[in-house]
C-alpha atoms as a PDB file:
ATOM      1  CA  UNK A   1      15.923   7.438  14.082  1.00  0.00           C
ATOM      2  CA  UNK A   2      15.236   6.361  17.634  1.00  0.00           C
ATOM      3  CA  UNK A   3      13.145   7.451  20.604  1.00  0.00           C
ATOM      4  CA  UNK A   4      14.754   8.871  23.703  1.00  0.00           C
ATOM      5  CA  UNK A   5      14.266   5.479  25.340  1.00  0.00           C
ATOM      6  CA  UNK A   6      16.438   3.913  22.645  1.00  0.00           C
ATOM      7  CA  UNK A   7      13.571   2.114  20.872  1.00  0.00           C
ATOM      8  CA  UNK A   8      12.970   2.723  17.195  1.00  0.00           C
ATOM      9  CA  UNK A   9       9.920   4.665  16.021  1.00  0.00           C
ATOM     10  CA  UNK A  10       7.318   2.145  14.878  1.00  0.00           C
ATOM     11  CA  UNK A  11       5.614   2.922  11.562  1.00  0.00           C
ATOM     12  CA  UNK A  12       2.690   1.295   9.741  1.00  0.00           C
ATOM     13  CA  UNK A  13       2.309   1.781   5.952  1.00  0.00           C
ATOM     14  CA  UNK A  14      -1.025   1.937   4.112  1.00  0.00           C
ATOM     15  CA  UNK A  15      -0.672   2.087   0.313  1.00  0.00           C
ATOM     16  CA  UNK A  16      -2.220   0.031  -2.470  1.00  0.00           C
ATOM     17  CA  UNK A  17       0.964   0.012  -4.592  1.00  0.00           C
ATOM     18  CA  UNK A  18       3.386  -2.787  -3.549  1.00  0.00           C
ATOM     19  CA  UNK A  19       6.353  -1.033  -5.187  1.00  0.00           C
ATOM     20  CA  UNK A  20       5.676   2.141  -3.179  1.00  0.00           C
ATOM     21  CA  UNK A  21       5.419   0.189   0.071  1.00  0.00           C
ATOM     22  CA  UNK A  22       8.613  -1.708  -0.682  1.00  0.00           C
ATOM     23  CA  UNK A  23      10.529   1.441  -1.541  1.00  0.00           C
ATOM     24  CA  UNK A  24       9.338   3.350   1.524  1.00  0.00           C
ATOM     25  CA  UNK A  25       9.894   0.364   3.800  1.00  0.00           C
ATOM     26  CA  UNK A  26      13.469  -0.134   2.557  1.00  0.00           C
ATOM     27  CA  UNK A  27      14.321   3.544   2.968  1.00  0.00           C
ATOM     28  CA  UNK A  28      12.794   3.853   6.418  1.00  0.00           C
ATOM     29  CA  UNK A  29      14.484   0.679   7.624  1.00  0.00           C
ATOM     30  CA  UNK A  30      17.838   2.002   6.416  1.00  0.00           C
ATOM     31  CA  UNK A  31      17.155   5.211   8.357  1.00  0.00           C
ATOM     32  CA  UNK A  32      16.548   3.341  11.597  1.00  0.00           C
ATOM     33  CA  UNK A  33      12.750   3.346  11.519  1.00  0.00           C
ATOM     34  CA  UNK A  34      10.913   0.113  12.382  1.00  0.00           C
ATOM     35  CA  UNK A  35       8.142  -0.733   9.908  1.00  0.00           C
ATOM     36  CA  UNK A  36       5.853  -2.933  12.023  1.00  0.00           C
ATOM     37  CA  UNK A  37       3.215  -3.580   9.392  1.00  0.00           C
ATOM     38  CA  UNK A  38       1.648  -2.593   6.113  1.00  0.00           C
ATOM     39  CA  UNK A  39      -1.659  -2.845   4.299  1.00  0.00           C
ATOM     40  CA  UNK A  40      -2.965  -2.410   0.764  1.00  0.00           C
ATOM     41  CA  UNK A  41      -6.493  -1.272   1.623  1.00  0.00           C
ATOM     42  CA  UNK A  42      -8.674   0.059   4.406  1.00  0.00           C
ATOM     43  CA  UNK A  43     -10.044  -3.309   5.565  1.00  0.00           C
ATOM     44  CA  UNK A  44      -6.573  -4.836   5.856  1.00  0.00           C
ATOM     45  CA  UNK A  45      -5.271  -1.748   7.655  1.00  0.00           C
ATOM     46  CA  UNK A  46      -8.066  -1.682  10.230  1.00  0.00           C
ATOM     47  CA  UNK A  47      -7.709  -5.433  10.835  1.00  0.00           C
ATOM     48  CA  UNK A  48      -3.939  -5.377  11.302  1.00  0.00           C
ATOM     49  CA  UNK A  49      -3.859  -2.195  13.360  1.00  0.00           C
ATOM     50  CA  UNK A  50      -5.870  -3.941  16.066  1.00  0.00           C
ATOM     51  CA  UNK A  51      -2.851  -6.214  16.621  1.00  0.00           C
ATOM     52  CA  UNK A  52       0.020  -3.726  16.433  1.00  0.00           C
ATOM     53  CA  UNK A  53       0.636  -0.414  18.148  1.00  0.00           C
ATOM     54  CA  UNK A  54       2.497   1.876  15.728  1.00  0.00           C
ATOM     55  CA  UNK A  55       3.732   5.303  16.693  1.00  0.00           C
ATOM     56  CA  UNK A  56       3.051   6.687  13.209  1.00  0.00           C
ATOM     57  CA  UNK A  57       0.751   5.633  10.353  1.00  0.00           C
ATOM     58  CA  UNK A  58       1.632   6.675   6.804  1.00  0.00           C
ATOM     59  CA  UNK A  59      -1.589   6.776   4.782  1.00  0.00           C
ATOM     60  CA  UNK A  60      -2.024   6.950   1.015  1.00  0.00           C
ATOM     61  CA  UNK A  61      -5.172   9.105   0.779  1.00  0.00           C
ATOM     62  CA  UNK A  62      -6.165   7.746  -2.655  1.00  0.00           C
ATOM     63  CA  UNK A  63      -6.889   4.110  -1.876  1.00  0.00           C
ATOM     64  CA  UNK A  64      -9.464   2.584  -4.239  1.00  0.00           C
ATOM     65  CA  UNK A  65     -13.016   2.473  -2.959  1.00  0.00           C
ATOM     66  CA  UNK A  66     -12.525   4.589   0.160  1.00  0.00           C
ATOM     67  CA  UNK A  67     -12.333   8.282   0.937  1.00  0.00           C
ATOM     68  CA  UNK A  68      -8.973   9.254   2.450  1.00  0.00           C
ATOM     69  CA  UNK A  69     -10.470  11.708   4.911  1.00  0.00           C
ATOM     70  CA  UNK A  70     -13.038   9.245   6.209  1.00  0.00           C
ATOM     71  CA  UNK A  71     -10.389   6.549   6.562  1.00  0.00           C
ATOM     72  CA  UNK A  72      -8.168   8.957   8.484  1.00  0.00           C
ATOM     73  CA  UNK A  73     -11.005   9.521  10.962  1.00  0.00           C
ATOM     74  CA  UNK A  74     -11.518   5.763  11.364  1.00  0.00           C
ATOM     75  CA  UNK A  75      -7.812   5.196  11.912  1.00  0.00           C
ATOM     76  CA  UNK A  76      -7.758   7.893  14.583  1.00  0.00           C
ATOM     77  CA  UNK A  77     -10.575   6.047  16.358  1.00  0.00           C
ATOM     78  CA  UNK A  78      -8.930   2.632  15.991  1.00  0.00           C
ATOM     79  CA  UNK A  79      -5.433   3.676  17.117  1.00  0.00           C
ATOM     80  CA  UNK A  80      -5.859   7.065  18.832  1.00  0.00           C
ATOM     81  CA  UNK A  81      -2.305   7.003  20.195  1.00  0.00           C
ATOM     82  CA  UNK A  82      -0.755   6.896  16.705  1.00  0.00           C
ATOM     83  CA  UNK A  83       0.228   9.972  14.721  1.00  0.00           C
ATOM     84  CA  UNK A  84      -1.069  10.072  11.152  1.00  0.00           C
ATOM     85  CA  UNK A  85       0.768  11.318   8.043  1.00  0.00           C
ATOM     86  CA  UNK A  86      -1.083  11.706   4.742  1.00  0.00           C
ATOM     87  CA  UNK A  87       1.046  10.498   1.818  1.00  0.00           C
ATOM     88  CA  UNK A  88      -0.321  11.915  -1.413  1.00  0.00           C
ATOM     89  CA  UNK A  89       0.195  12.803  -5.065  1.00  0.00           C
ATOM     90  CA  UNK A  90      -2.016  15.874  -4.578  1.00  0.00           C
ATOM     91  CA  UNK A  91      -0.422  19.226  -3.734  1.00  0.00           C
ATOM     92  CA  UNK A  92      -3.479  21.488  -3.825  1.00  0.00           C
ATOM     93  CA  UNK A  93      -4.443  23.390  -0.701  1.00  0.00           C
ATOM     94  CA  UNK A  94      -7.939  21.926  -0.547  1.00  0.00           C
ATOM     95  CA  UNK A  95      -6.563  18.383  -0.125  1.00  0.00           C
ATOM     96  CA  UNK A  96      -4.089  19.442   2.562  1.00  0.00           C
ATOM     97  CA  UNK A  97      -6.678  21.445   4.511  1.00  0.00           C
ATOM     98  CA  UNK A  98      -9.298  18.732   4.349  1.00  0.00           C
ATOM     99  CA  UNK A  99      -6.912  16.019   5.531  1.00  0.00           C
ATOM    100  CA  UNK A 100      -5.729  18.276   8.367  1.00  0.00           C
ATOM    101  CA  UNK A 101      -9.340  18.739   9.446  1.00  0.00           C
ATOM    102  CA  UNK A 102      -9.835  14.967   9.305  1.00  0.00           C
ATOM    103  CA  UNK A 103      -7.146  14.565  11.937  1.00  0.00           C
ATOM    104  CA  UNK A 104      -3.810  13.945  10.224  1.00  0.00           C
ATOM    105  CA  UNK A 105      -0.700  15.381  11.852  1.00  0.00           C
ATOM    106  CA  UNK A 106       1.325  15.724   8.660  1.00  0.00           C
ATOM    107  CA  UNK A 107       1.029  15.813   4.876  1.00  0.00           C
ATOM    108  CA  UNK A 108       3.858  14.695   2.575  1.00  0.00           C
ATOM    109  CA  UNK A 109       3.874  14.688  -1.221  1.00  0.00           C
ATOM    110  CA  UNK A 110       4.912  11.440  -2.899  1.00  0.00           C
ATOM    111  CA  UNK A 111       7.138  13.255  -5.372  1.00  0.00           C
ATOM    112  CA  UNK A 112       9.281  14.898  -2.670  1.00  0.00           C
ATOM    113  CA  UNK A 113      12.568  13.327  -1.535  1.00  0.00           C
ATOM    114  CA  UNK A 114      11.974  10.411   0.834  1.00  0.00           C
ATOM    115  CA  UNK A 115      14.084  12.261   3.383  1.00  0.00           C
ATOM    116  CA  UNK A 116      11.104  14.614   3.819  1.00  0.00           C
ATOM    117  CA  UNK A 117       8.988  11.661   4.923  1.00  0.00           C
ATOM    118  CA  UNK A 118      11.611  10.721   7.495  1.00  0.00           C
ATOM    119  CA  UNK A 119      11.651  14.333   8.698  1.00  0.00           C
ATOM    120  CA  UNK A 120       7.852  14.323   8.974  1.00  0.00           C
ATOM    121  CA  UNK A 121       7.872  11.075  10.974  1.00  0.00           C
ATOM    122  CA  UNK A 122      10.361  12.499  13.444  1.00  0.00           C
ATOM    123  CA  UNK A 123       8.421  15.734  13.865  1.00  0.00           C
ATOM    124  CA  UNK A 124       4.940  14.289  14.365  1.00  0.00           C
ATOM    125  CA  UNK A 125       6.308  11.625  16.694  1.00  0.00           C
ATOM    126  CA  UNK A 126       7.638  14.399  18.925  1.00  0.00           C
ATOM    127  CA  UNK A 127       4.186  15.986  19.007  1.00  0.00           C
ATOM    128  CA  UNK A 128       4.622  18.494  16.201  1.00  0.00           C
ATOM    129  CA  UNK A 129       2.892  19.003  12.865  1.00  0.00           C
ATOM    130  CA  UNK A 130       4.341  18.691   9.365  1.00  0.00           C
ATOM    131  CA  UNK A 131       2.483  20.400   6.522  1.00  0.00           C
ATOM    132  CA  UNK A 132       3.589  22.017   3.236  1.00  0.00           C
ATOM    133  CA  UNK A 133       4.983  25.544   3.641  1.00  0.00           C
ATOM    134  CA  UNK A 134       2.540  28.405   3.290  1.00  0.00           C
ATOM    135  CA  UNK A 135      -0.594  26.460   4.215  1.00  0.00           C
ATOM    136  CA  UNK A 136      -0.664  27.019   7.971  1.00  0.00           C
ATOM    137  CA  UNK A 137      -3.121  29.936   7.821  1.00  0.00           C
ATOM    138  CA  UNK A 138      -5.546  27.977   5.641  1.00  0.00           C
ATOM    139  CA  UNK A 139      -5.351  24.942   7.935  1.00  0.00           C
ATOM    140  CA  UNK A 140      -5.930  27.016  11.072  1.00  0.00           C
ATOM    141  CA  UNK A 141      -8.745  29.101   9.549  1.00  0.00           C
ATOM    142  CA  UNK A 142     -12.212  28.151  10.825  1.00  0.00           C
ATOM    143  CA  UNK A 143     -14.088  25.913   8.442  1.00  0.00           C
ATOM    144  CA  UNK A 144     -17.043  27.581   6.796  1.00  0.00           C
ATOM    145  CA  UNK A 145     -20.384  25.834   6.903  1.00  0.00           C
ATOM    146  CA  UNK A 146     -20.776  23.874   3.644  1.00  0.00           C
ATOM    147  CA  UNK A 147     -23.605  24.832   1.359  1.00  0.00           C
ATOM    148  CA  UNK A 148     -26.042  22.219   0.071  1.00  0.00           C
ATOM    149  CA  UNK A 149     -24.279  19.985  -2.423  1.00  0.00           C
ATOM    150  CA  UNK A 150     -20.804  21.222  -1.474  1.00  0.00           C
ATOM    151  CA  UNK A 151     -19.993  19.134   1.568  1.00  0.00           C
ATOM    152  CA  UNK A 152     -16.586  17.388   1.468  1.00  0.00           C
ATOM    153  CA  UNK A 153     -16.235  18.086  -2.254  1.00  0.00           C
ATOM    154  CA  UNK A 154     -12.689  16.774  -2.641  1.00  0.00           C
ATOM    155  CA  UNK A 155     -13.457  13.853  -4.939  1.00  0.00           C
ATOM    156  CA  UNK A 156     -11.006  11.122  -5.848  1.00  0.00           C
ATOM    157  CA  UNK A 157     -10.180  10.506  -9.507  1.00  0.00           C
ATOM    158  CA  UNK A 158     -12.283   7.322  -9.464  1.00  0.00           C
ATOM    159  CA  UNK A 159     -15.244   9.112  -7.873  1.00  0.00           C
ATOM    160  CA  UNK A 160     -15.098  11.709 -10.631  1.00  0.00           C
ATOM    161  CA  UNK A 161     -15.148   8.940 -13.246  1.00  0.00           C
ATOM    162  CA  UNK A 162     -18.151   7.327 -11.577  1.00  0.00           C
ATOM    163  CA  UNK A 163     -19.929  10.683 -11.301  1.00  0.00           C
ATOM    164  CA  UNK A 164     -19.449  11.402 -15.015  1.00  0.00           C
ATOM    165  CA  UNK A 165     -20.802   7.981 -16.011  1.00  0.00           C
ATOM    166  CA  UNK A 166     -23.778   8.328 -13.678  1.00  0.00           C
ATOM    167  CA  UNK A 167     -24.459  11.750 -15.188  1.00  0.00           C
ATOM    168  CA  UNK A 168     -24.492  10.109 -18.617  1.00  0.00           C
ATOM    169  CA  UNK A 169     -27.312   7.866 -17.433  1.00  0.00           C
ATOM    170  CA  UNK A 170     -25.413   4.635 -16.791  1.00  0.00           C
ATOM    171  CA  UNK A 171     -26.666   2.269 -14.085  1.00  0.00           C
ATOM    172  CA  UNK A 172     -24.335   0.880 -11.406  1.00  0.00           C
ATOM    173  CA  UNK A 173     -23.863  -2.361 -13.369  1.00  0.00           C
ATOM    174  CA  UNK A 174     -22.911  -0.422 -16.513  1.00  0.00           C
ATOM    175  CA  UNK A 175     -20.551   1.824 -14.544  1.00  0.00           C
ATOM    176  CA  UNK A 176     -18.860  -1.268 -13.097  1.00  0.00           C
ATOM    177  CA  UNK A 177     -18.423  -2.857 -16.540  1.00  0.00           C
ATOM    178  CA  UNK A 178     -17.127   0.390 -18.054  1.00  0.00           C
ATOM    179  CA  UNK A 179     -14.492   0.884 -15.327  1.00  0.00           C
ATOM    180  CA  UNK A 180     -13.599  -2.769 -14.834  1.00  0.00           C
ATOM    181  CA  UNK A 181     -14.720  -2.848 -11.198  1.00  0.00           C
ATOM    182  CA  UNK A 182     -17.306  -4.857  -9.283  1.00  0.00           C
ATOM    183  CA  UNK A 183     -20.907  -3.711  -9.045  1.00  0.00           C
ATOM    184  CA  UNK A 184     -20.500  -3.449  -5.270  1.00  0.00           C
ATOM    185  CA  UNK A 185     -17.490  -1.162  -5.700  1.00  0.00           C
ATOM    186  CA  UNK A 186     -19.479   1.011  -8.096  1.00  0.00           C
ATOM    187  CA  UNK A 187     -22.303   1.190  -5.568  1.00  0.00           C
ATOM    188  CA  UNK A 188     -19.802   2.134  -2.839  1.00  0.00           C
ATOM    189  CA  UNK A 189     -18.423   4.966  -4.980  1.00  0.00           C
ATOM    190  CA  UNK A 190     -21.958   6.239  -5.550  1.00  0.00           C
ATOM    191  CA  UNK A 191     -22.652   6.117  -1.810  1.00  0.00           C
ATOM    192  CA  UNK A 192     -19.478   8.119  -1.157  1.00  0.00           C
ATOM    193  CA  UNK A 193     -20.499  10.680  -3.779  1.00  0.00           C
ATOM    194  CA  UNK A 194     -23.946  11.090  -2.263  1.00  0.00           C
ATOM    195  CA  UNK A 195     -22.524  11.489   1.231  1.00  0.00           C
ATOM    196  CA  UNK A 196     -19.732  13.885   0.224  1.00  0.00           C
ATOM    197  CA  UNK A 197     -21.941  16.089  -1.927  1.00  0.00           C
ATOM    198  CA  UNK A 198     -25.051  15.729   0.233  1.00  0.00           C
ATOM    199  CA  UNK A 199     -26.953  14.796  -2.924  1.00  0.00           C
ATOM    200  CA  UNK A 200     -28.921  11.546  -3.184  1.00  0.00           C
ATOM    201  CA  UNK A 201     -31.046  11.710  -6.377  1.00  0.00           C
ATOM    202  CA  UNK A 202     -29.286  10.869  -9.627  1.00  0.00           C
ATOM    203  CA  UNK A 203     -30.737  14.048 -11.122  1.00  0.00           C
ATOM    204  CA  UNK A 204     -28.938  16.057  -8.445  1.00  0.00           C
ATOM    205  CA  UNK A 205     -25.640  14.284  -9.113  1.00  0.00           C
ATOM    206  CA  UNK A 206     -26.064  14.926 -12.835  1.00  0.00           C
ATOM    207  CA  UNK A 207     -26.697  18.616 -12.206  1.00  0.00           C
ATOM    208  CA  UNK A 208     -23.607  18.819 -10.001  1.00  0.00           C
ATOM    209  CA  UNK A 209     -21.439  17.180 -12.688  1.00  0.00           C
ATOM    210  CA  UNK A 210     -22.680  19.607 -15.327  1.00  0.00           C
ATOM    211  CA  UNK A 211     -22.304  22.698 -13.132  1.00  0.00           C
ATOM    212  CA  UNK A 212     -18.723  21.764 -12.265  1.00  0.00           C
ATOM    213  CA  UNK A 213     -17.658  21.044 -15.820  1.00  0.00           C
ATOM    214  CA  UNK A 214     -17.304  17.272 -15.387  1.00  0.00           C
ATOM    215  CA  UNK A 215     -19.894  16.392 -18.012  1.00  0.00           C
ATOM    216  CA  UNK A 216     -20.338  17.539 -21.630  1.00  0.00           C
ATOM    217  CA  UNK A 217     -24.093  17.598 -21.040  1.00  0.00           C
ATOM    218  CA  UNK A 218     -25.897  20.870 -20.475  1.00  0.00           C
ATOM    219  CA  UNK A 219     -28.674  21.887 -18.141  1.00  0.00           C
ATOM    220  CA  UNK A 220     -32.139  22.320 -19.640  1.00  0.00           C
ATOM    221  CA  UNK A 221     -33.215  25.927 -20.139  1.00  0.00           C
ATOM    222  CA  UNK A 222     -35.131  27.527 -17.299  1.00  0.00           C
ATOM    223  CA  UNK A 223     -38.887  27.603 -17.817  1.00  0.00           C
ATOM    224  CA  UNK A 224     -40.271  30.940 -19.019  1.00  0.00           C
ATOM    225  CA  UNK A 225     -41.695  33.208 -16.377  1.00  0.00           C
ATOM    226  CA  UNK A 226     -45.348  34.095 -16.444  1.00  0.00           C
END
């Protein structure tokens, strides 16, 4: 796959799984795509992208400790000339729509044939968009104003785990020990939860977890009316 000028399309990979990066890199290289760099996390990606100028960035939206949508926005600011393709295990419409609204130009499922990723790279590089069939109307529909506690409510699997443990009354240090992560990482997940849900108090996070079926706890009965 080459540009009209004869130069190969330059791609940068962001994925925390080495085997995934190796597999994608090998396939893309065999297809004539130049992989100019790769990163396992957001900090490494942002650091390396200041030194290279890729045409397309392939982004795993489920990196540990960072929200995929927020990272997409930061990448767009860091390398505004690059096209961005979300690479995800999630197929639900809410993930696709949210990533589209965070600035990605394409969305490819990890369980689809790798040829689809090559097709997406070619399309977005030419200025087009590449999203799953049947989701165009949802992507183009105007975003409704989020209600209190419902802002950016696409939570990662790890954020859901943290939310459940917080709802059970565990402190950040206990959450970290339970999940085998650092206290700072646990604190970062809590900050992301508060920002996404627009809820700061732990009582509010607990209520959200209960209302959305993430916790076996139940809300206290409403006080009797006078």
